[in-house]
Amino acid sequence: MIRVSVLPASARVAVAWRNGGGITREVAVAPPGAGLADFDWRISLAEVTEPGPFSLFEGVDRVLTVVRGQLLLGFAGGEVTVGEDAAPCAFAGDVACWGTPVGGAVTDLNVMTRRGRFAASVARVAGAFHAAGAPCVFVALGAGVLRAGELSLPLAAHDAAVTDAACALAFDGAGILVTINPVGAAGVFSRLA
């Protein structure tokens, strides 16, 4: 039997960034109740309204996906612009990064994993797709119905659904699928034909 838990966006609490430069809302974290200093992995939605540095996280890898808007990311080696249609951007959390919203406020999905212990695969998905690994976290970009086997789960924008086993899923809209794997395990996602 497929087990899926829904994590509603309406239940999330806004928290100031570690460096005070913005706010974030935690979607999921492991182990449950872990803080910024002791998580194995963490998924959050952040709002970037002003230019400024990102918080540094020693020994952490990050994958950032823009949900709304356009964000210019600056690193010592150059810059990259990430928008709503761009692929997720992976970078080390302990490397200085500067973010500048382009043309207005930005919302991004931020996935952080403890380097050497966990790794994340992050992909934009729509329609039918496969969740491989455990856990997989799907974040809806708009309202729709998520189907998993015989389950039909209505989701509002930014609601998340977590499954603890590989399974086929379908959503009548777009979303972001995050697969968390222990280091050494294959992180896989694929579209169904």
C-alpha atoms as a PDB file:
ATOM      1  CA  MET A   1       0.000   0.000   0.000  1.00  0.00           C
ATOM      2  CA  ILE A   2       1.245   3.465  -0.933  1.00  0.00           C
ATOM      3  CA  ARG A   3       1.605   5.866   1.985  1.00  0.00           C
ATOM      4  CA  VAL A   4       1.592   9.578   1.286  1.00  0.00           C
ATOM      5  CA  SER A   5       1.555  12.334   3.905  1.00  0.00           C
ATOM      6  CA  VAL A   6       0.423  15.853   3.034  1.00  0.00           C
ATOM      7  CA  LEU A   7       2.293  18.806   4.562  1.00  0.00           C
ATOM      8  CA  PRO A   8       0.056  21.857   4.038  1.00  0.00           C
ATOM      9  CA  ALA A   9       1.634  25.198   3.217  1.00  0.00           C
ATOM     10  CA  SER A  10      -0.890  26.892   5.514  1.00  0.00           C
ATOM     11  CA  ALA A  11       0.714  25.199   8.552  1.00  0.00           C
ATOM     12  CA  ARG A  12       4.217  26.616   7.924  1.00  0.00           C
ATOM     13  CA  VAL A  13       5.677  29.334  10.100  1.00  0.00           C
ATOM     14  CA  ALA A  14       7.829  32.124   8.641  1.00  0.00           C
ATOM     15  CA  VAL A  15      11.294  32.242  10.244  1.00  0.00           C
ATOM     16  CA  ALA A  16      14.054  34.801   9.697  1.00  0.00           C
ATOM     17  CA  TRP A  17      17.112  33.608   7.788  1.00  0.00           C
ATOM     18  CA  ARG A  18      20.132  32.773   9.868  1.00  0.00           C
ATOM     19  CA  ASN A  19      21.776  35.994   8.611  1.00  0.00           C
ATOM     20  CA  GLY A  20      18.549  38.027   8.994  1.00  0.00           C
ATOM     21  CA  GLY A  21      18.326  38.851   5.270  1.00  0.00           C
ATOM     22  CA  GLY A  22      15.003  37.193   4.449  1.00  0.00           C
ATOM     23  CA  ILE A  23      12.434  34.658   5.595  1.00  0.00           C
ATOM     24  CA  THR A  24      11.996  30.945   5.090  1.00  0.00           C
ATOM     25  CA  ARG A  25       9.265  28.405   5.722  1.00  0.00           C
ATOM     26  CA  GLU A  26      10.352  24.833   6.445  1.00  0.00           C
ATOM     27  CA  VAL A  27       8.624  22.212   4.283  1.00  0.00           C
ATOM     28  CA  ALA A  28      10.304  19.087   5.703  1.00  0.00           C
ATOM     29  CA  VAL A  29      13.364  18.192   7.753  1.00  0.00           C
ATOM     30  CA  ALA A  30      15.148  15.068   8.966  1.00  0.00           C
ATOM     31  CA  PRO A  31      15.436  14.021  11.620  1.00  0.00           C
ATOM     32  CA  PRO A  32      12.058  15.453  12.680  1.00  0.00           C
ATOM     33  CA  GLY A  33      12.491  18.554  14.817  1.00  0.00           C
ATOM     34  CA  ALA A  34      16.124  19.103  13.780  1.00  0.00           C
ATOM     35  CA  GLY A  35      17.433  22.655  13.768  1.00  0.00           C
ATOM     36  CA  LEU A  36      19.786  24.414  11.374  1.00  0.00           C
ATOM     37  CA  ALA A  37      22.847  22.991  13.133  1.00  0.00           C
ATOM     38  CA  ASP A  38      21.860  19.323  13.231  1.00  0.00           C
ATOM     39  CA  PHE A  39      19.657  18.443  10.229  1.00  0.00           C
ATOM     40  CA  ASP A  40      20.523  15.572   7.864  1.00  0.00           C
ATOM     41  CA  TRP A  41      18.446  17.199   5.135  1.00  0.00           C
ATOM     42  CA  ARG A  42      16.073  20.148   4.966  1.00  0.00           C
ATOM     43  CA  ILE A  43      13.614  21.491   2.395  1.00  0.00           C
ATOM     44  CA  SER A  44      12.251  25.027   2.662  1.00  0.00           C
ATOM     45  CA  LEU A  45      10.585  27.789   0.674  1.00  0.00           C
ATOM     46  CA  ALA A  46      12.307  31.160   0.967  1.00  0.00           C
ATOM     47  CA  GLU A  47      11.293  34.670  -0.003  1.00  0.00           C
ATOM     48  CA  VAL A  48      13.994  36.943  -1.387  1.00  0.00           C
ATOM     49  CA  THR A  49      12.896  40.582  -1.585  1.00  0.00           C
ATOM     50  CA  GLU A  50      16.198  42.446  -1.336  1.00  0.00           C
ATOM     51  CA  PRO A  51      19.753  41.826  -2.583  1.00  0.00           C
ATOM     52  CA  GLY A  52      22.019  40.229  -0.007  1.00  0.00           C
ATOM     53  CA  PRO A  53      24.269  37.330   0.979  1.00  0.00           C
ATOM     54  CA  PHE A  54      22.953  33.834   1.530  1.00  0.00           C
ATOM     55  CA  SER A  55      23.586  32.238   4.920  1.00  0.00           C
ATOM     56  CA  LEU A  56      26.640  29.978   4.998  1.00  0.00           C
ATOM     57  CA  PHE A  57      26.171  26.323   6.002  1.00  0.00           C
ATOM     58  CA  GLU A  58      29.415  24.419   6.608  1.00  0.00           C
ATOM     59  CA  GLY A  59      29.457  20.889   5.193  1.00  0.00           C
ATOM     60  CA  VAL A  60      26.106  21.316   3.416  1.00  0.00           C
ATOM     61  CA  ASP A  61      25.200  21.054  -0.275  1.00  0.00           C
ATOM     62  CA  ARG A  62      22.331  23.136  -1.634  1.00  0.00           C
ATOM     63  CA  VAL A  63      19.982  22.861  -4.598  1.00  0.00           C
ATOM     64  CA  LEU A  64      17.944  25.995  -5.320  1.00  0.00           C
ATOM     65  CA  THR A  65      14.909  26.041  -7.626  1.00  0.00           C
ATOM     66  CA  VAL A  66      13.093  29.296  -8.366  1.00  0.00           C
ATOM     67  CA  VAL A  67       9.334  28.940  -7.931  1.00  0.00           C
ATOM     68  CA  ARG A  68       8.393  32.562  -8.698  1.00  0.00           C
ATOM     69  CA  GLY A  69      10.447  35.366 -10.191  1.00  0.00           C
ATOM     70  CA  GLN A  70      14.042  35.565 -11.328  1.00  0.00           C
ATOM     71  CA  LEU A  71      17.149  35.484  -9.131  1.00  0.00           C
ATOM     72  CA  LEU A  72      20.715  36.485  -9.965  1.00  0.00           C
ATOM     73  CA  LEU A  73      23.146  34.361  -7.934  1.00  0.00           C
ATOM     74  CA  GLY A  74      26.672  35.689  -7.536  1.00  0.00           C
ATOM     75  CA  PHE A  75      29.678  33.553  -6.614  1.00  0.00           C
ATOM     76  CA  ALA A  76      33.401  34.319  -6.511  1.00  0.00           C
ATOM     77  CA  GLY A  77      33.734  32.634  -9.928  1.00  0.00           C
ATOM     78  CA  GLY A  78      30.855  34.434 -11.648  1.00  0.00           C
ATOM     79  CA  GLU A  79      27.092  34.828 -11.811  1.00  0.00           C
ATOM     80  CA  VAL A  80      24.120  32.748 -12.901  1.00  0.00           C
ATOM     81  CA  THR A  81      20.501  33.831 -13.385  1.00  0.00           C
ATOM     82  CA  VAL A  82      17.862  31.329 -12.295  1.00  0.00           C
ATOM     83  CA  GLY A  83      14.201  31.787 -13.234  1.00  0.00           C
ATOM     84  CA  GLU A  84      10.878  29.968 -13.023  1.00  0.00           C
ATOM     85  CA  ASP A  85      11.656  27.751 -16.023  1.00  0.00           C
ATOM     86  CA  ALA A  86      15.332  27.117 -15.222  1.00  0.00           C
ATOM     87  CA  ALA A  87      16.807  23.835 -14.059  1.00  0.00           C
ATOM     88  CA  PRO A  88      17.627  23.600 -10.344  1.00  0.00           C
ATOM     89  CA  CYS A  89      20.971  25.204  -9.413  1.00  0.00           C
ATOM     90  CA  ALA A  90      23.306  23.153  -7.186  1.00  0.00           C
ATOM     91  CA  PHE A  91      26.091  24.752  -5.146  1.00  0.00           C
ATOM     92  CA  ALA A  92      28.033  24.263  -1.924  1.00  0.00           C
ATOM     93  CA  GLY A  93      26.375  25.821   1.104  1.00  0.00           C
ATOM     94  CA  ASP A  94      29.722  26.833   2.579  1.00  0.00           C
ATOM     95  CA  VAL A  95      30.709  28.945  -0.452  1.00  0.00           C
ATOM     96  CA  ALA A  96      29.850  32.649  -0.383  1.00  0.00           C
ATOM     97  CA  CYS A  97      26.765  33.371  -2.511  1.00  0.00           C
ATOM     98  CA  TRP A  98      24.937  36.639  -3.117  1.00  0.00           C
ATOM     99  CA  GLY A  99      21.321  36.741  -4.323  1.00  0.00           C
ATOM    100  CA  THR A 100      19.677  39.618  -6.185  1.00  0.00           C
ATOM    101  CA  PRO A 101      15.980  39.498  -7.152  1.00  0.00           C
ATOM    102  CA  VAL A 102      15.469  40.664 -10.742  1.00  0.00           C
ATOM    103  CA  GLY A 103      12.242  42.578 -11.375  1.00  0.00           C
ATOM    104  CA  GLY A 104      10.557  41.885  -8.035  1.00  0.00           C
ATOM    105  CA  ALA A 105      10.330  39.434  -5.147  1.00  0.00           C
ATOM    106  CA  VAL A 106      11.453  35.836  -5.625  1.00  0.00           C
ATOM    107  CA  THR A 107      10.251  32.609  -4.035  1.00  0.00           C
ATOM    108  CA  ASP A 108      12.648  29.665  -4.167  1.00  0.00           C
ATOM    109  CA  LEU A 109      12.663  26.062  -3.019  1.00  0.00           C
ATOM    110  CA  ASN A 110      15.877  25.365  -1.143  1.00  0.00           C
ATOM    111  CA  VAL A 111      17.058  21.784  -0.546  1.00  0.00           C
ATOM    112  CA  MET A 112      20.004  21.295   1.807  1.00  0.00           C
ATOM    113  CA  THR A 113      21.748  17.978   2.498  1.00  0.00           C
ATOM    114  CA  ARG A 114      24.579  17.163   4.883  1.00  0.00           C
ATOM    115  CA  ARG A 115      27.587  16.559   2.590  1.00  0.00           C
ATOM    116  CA  GLY A 116      28.961  13.016   2.683  1.00  0.00           C
ATOM    117  CA  ARG A 117      25.771  11.667   4.293  1.00  0.00           C
ATOM    118  CA  PHE A 118      22.876  12.562   1.970  1.00  0.00           C
ATOM    119  CA  ALA A 119      22.367  13.851  -1.566  1.00  0.00           C
ATOM    120  CA  ALA A 120      19.316  15.280  -3.309  1.00  0.00           C
ATOM    121  CA  SER A 121      17.924  14.950  -6.828  1.00  0.00           C
ATOM    122  CA  VAL A 122      15.600  17.844  -7.680  1.00  0.00           C
ATOM    123  CA  ALA A 123      13.455  18.101 -10.820  1.00  0.00           C
ATOM    124  CA  ARG A 124      10.522  20.044 -12.185  1.00  0.00           C
ATOM    125  CA  VAL A 125       7.709  17.606 -13.003  1.00  0.00           C
ATOM    126  CA  ALA A 126       4.175  17.701 -14.428  1.00  0.00           C
ATOM    127  CA  GLY A 127       1.634  15.047 -15.323  1.00  0.00           C
ATOM    128  CA  ALA A 128       2.784  11.496 -14.609  1.00  0.00           C
ATOM    129  CA  PHE A 129       6.158  10.868 -12.968  1.00  0.00           C
ATOM    130  CA  HIS A 130       7.890   8.317 -10.760  1.00  0.00           C
ATOM    131  CA  ALA A 131       9.070   8.872  -7.200  1.00  0.00           C
ATOM    132  CA  ALA A 132      12.106   6.687  -6.594  1.00  0.00           C
ATOM    133  CA  GLY A 133      13.817   6.430  -3.243  1.00  0.00           C
ATOM    134  CA  ALA A 134      12.741   7.303   0.226  1.00  0.00           C
ATOM    135  CA  PRO A 135      11.765   9.836   1.050  1.00  0.00           C
ATOM    136  CA  CYS A 136      10.458  11.720  -1.965  1.00  0.00           C
ATOM    137  CA  VAL A 137       8.891  15.115  -1.410  1.00  0.00           C
ATOM    138  CA  PHE A 138       6.617  16.649  -4.059  1.00  0.00           C
ATOM    139  CA  VAL A 139       5.879  20.376  -3.782  1.00  0.00           C
ATOM    140  CA  ALA A 140       2.899  21.607  -5.812  1.00  0.00           C
ATOM    141  CA  LEU A 141       3.458  24.870  -7.673  1.00  0.00           C
ATOM    142  CA  GLY A 142      -0.299  25.425  -7.998  1.00  0.00           C
ATOM    143  CA  ALA A 143      -3.517  23.802  -6.857  1.00  0.00           C
ATOM    144  CA  GLY A 144      -4.335  20.342  -8.200  1.00  0.00           C
ATOM    145  CA  VAL A 145      -4.941  16.717  -7.338  1.00  0.00           C
ATOM    146  CA  LEU A 146      -2.059  14.311  -6.679  1.00  0.00           C
ATOM    147  CA  ARG A 147      -2.789  10.671  -7.508  1.00  0.00           C
ATOM    148  CA  ALA A 148      -0.824   7.789  -6.019  1.00  0.00           C
ATOM    149  CA  GLY A 149      -2.358   4.384  -6.658  1.00  0.00           C
ATOM    150  CA  GLU A 150      -5.952   4.658  -5.453  1.00  0.00           C
ATOM    151  CA  LEU A 151      -5.249   7.828  -3.444  1.00  0.00           C
ATOM    152  CA  SER A 152      -6.442  11.215  -4.713  1.00  0.00           C
ATOM    153  CA  LEU A 153      -5.074  14.070  -2.637  1.00  0.00           C
ATOM    154  CA  PRO A 154      -6.090  17.684  -3.298  1.00  0.00           C
ATOM    155  CA  LEU A 155      -3.125  20.038  -2.897  1.00  0.00           C
ATOM    156  CA  ALA A 156      -3.055  23.818  -2.677  1.00  0.00           C
ATOM    157  CA  ALA A 157      -0.157  25.856  -4.065  1.00  0.00           C
ATOM    158  CA  HIS A 158       3.063  25.018  -2.172  1.00  0.00           C
ATOM    159  CA  ASP A 159       1.525  22.082  -0.286  1.00  0.00           C
ATOM    160  CA  ALA A 160       3.925  19.140  -0.119  1.00  0.00           C
ATOM    161  CA  ALA A 161       3.319  15.405  -0.279  1.00  0.00           C
ATOM    162  CA  VAL A 162       5.844  12.932   1.130  1.00  0.00           C
ATOM    163  CA  THR A 163       6.086   9.277   0.161  1.00  0.00           C
ATOM    164  CA  ASP A 164       8.349   6.770   1.872  1.00  0.00           C
ATOM    165  CA  ALA A 165       8.538   4.268  -0.991  1.00  0.00           C
ATOM    166  CA  ALA A 166       9.040   4.275  -4.755  1.00  0.00           C
ATOM    167  CA  CYS A 167       5.750   4.747  -6.576  1.00  0.00           C
ATOM    168  CA  ALA A 168       4.077   6.173  -9.664  1.00  0.00           C
ATOM    169  CA  LEU A 169       2.478   9.592  -9.133  1.00  0.00           C
ATOM    170  CA  ALA A 170       0.432  11.958 -11.269  1.00  0.00           C
ATOM    171  CA  PHE A 171      -0.482  15.589 -10.733  1.00  0.00           C
ATOM    172  CA  ASP A 172      -2.749  17.713 -12.875  1.00  0.00           C
ATOM    173  CA  GLY A 173      -0.362  20.637 -12.673  1.00  0.00           C
ATOM    174  CA  ALA A 174       3.327  21.347 -12.182  1.00  0.00           C
ATOM    175  CA  GLY A 175       5.530  20.761  -9.177  1.00  0.00           C
ATOM    176  CA  ILE A 176       9.007  20.039  -7.927  1.00  0.00           C
ATOM    177  CA  LEU A 177      10.065  16.523  -6.949  1.00  0.00           C
ATOM    178  CA  VAL A 178      12.863  16.128  -4.397  1.00  0.00           C
ATOM    179  CA  THR A 179      14.419  12.701  -3.849  1.00  0.00           C
ATOM    180  CA  ILE A 180      16.695  12.305  -0.827  1.00  0.00           C
ATOM    181  CA  ASN A 181      19.218   9.475  -0.824  1.00  0.00           C
ATOM    182  CA  PRO A 182      21.949   8.356   1.547  1.00  0.00           C
ATOM    183  CA  VAL A 183      25.347   8.900  -0.088  1.00  0.00           C
ATOM    184  CA  GLY A 184      26.206   5.900  -2.221  1.00  0.00           C
ATOM    185  CA  ALA A 185      22.574   5.243  -3.207  1.00  0.00           C
ATOM    186  CA  ALA A 186      21.335   6.175  -6.666  1.00  0.00           C
ATOM    187  CA  GLY A 187      18.966   9.136  -6.749  1.00  0.00           C
ATOM    188  CA  VAL A 188      16.664   8.603  -9.688  1.00  0.00           C
ATOM    189  CA  PHE A 189      13.611  10.307 -11.091  1.00  0.00           C
ATOM    190  CA  SER A 190      11.980   9.657 -14.421  1.00  0.00           C
ATOM    191  CA  ARG A 191       8.956  10.691 -16.442  1.00  0.00           C
ATOM    192  CA  LEU A 192       6.482   8.004 -17.344  1.00  0.00           C
ATOM    193  CA  ALA A 193       5.644   7.590 -21.031  1.00  0.00           C
END
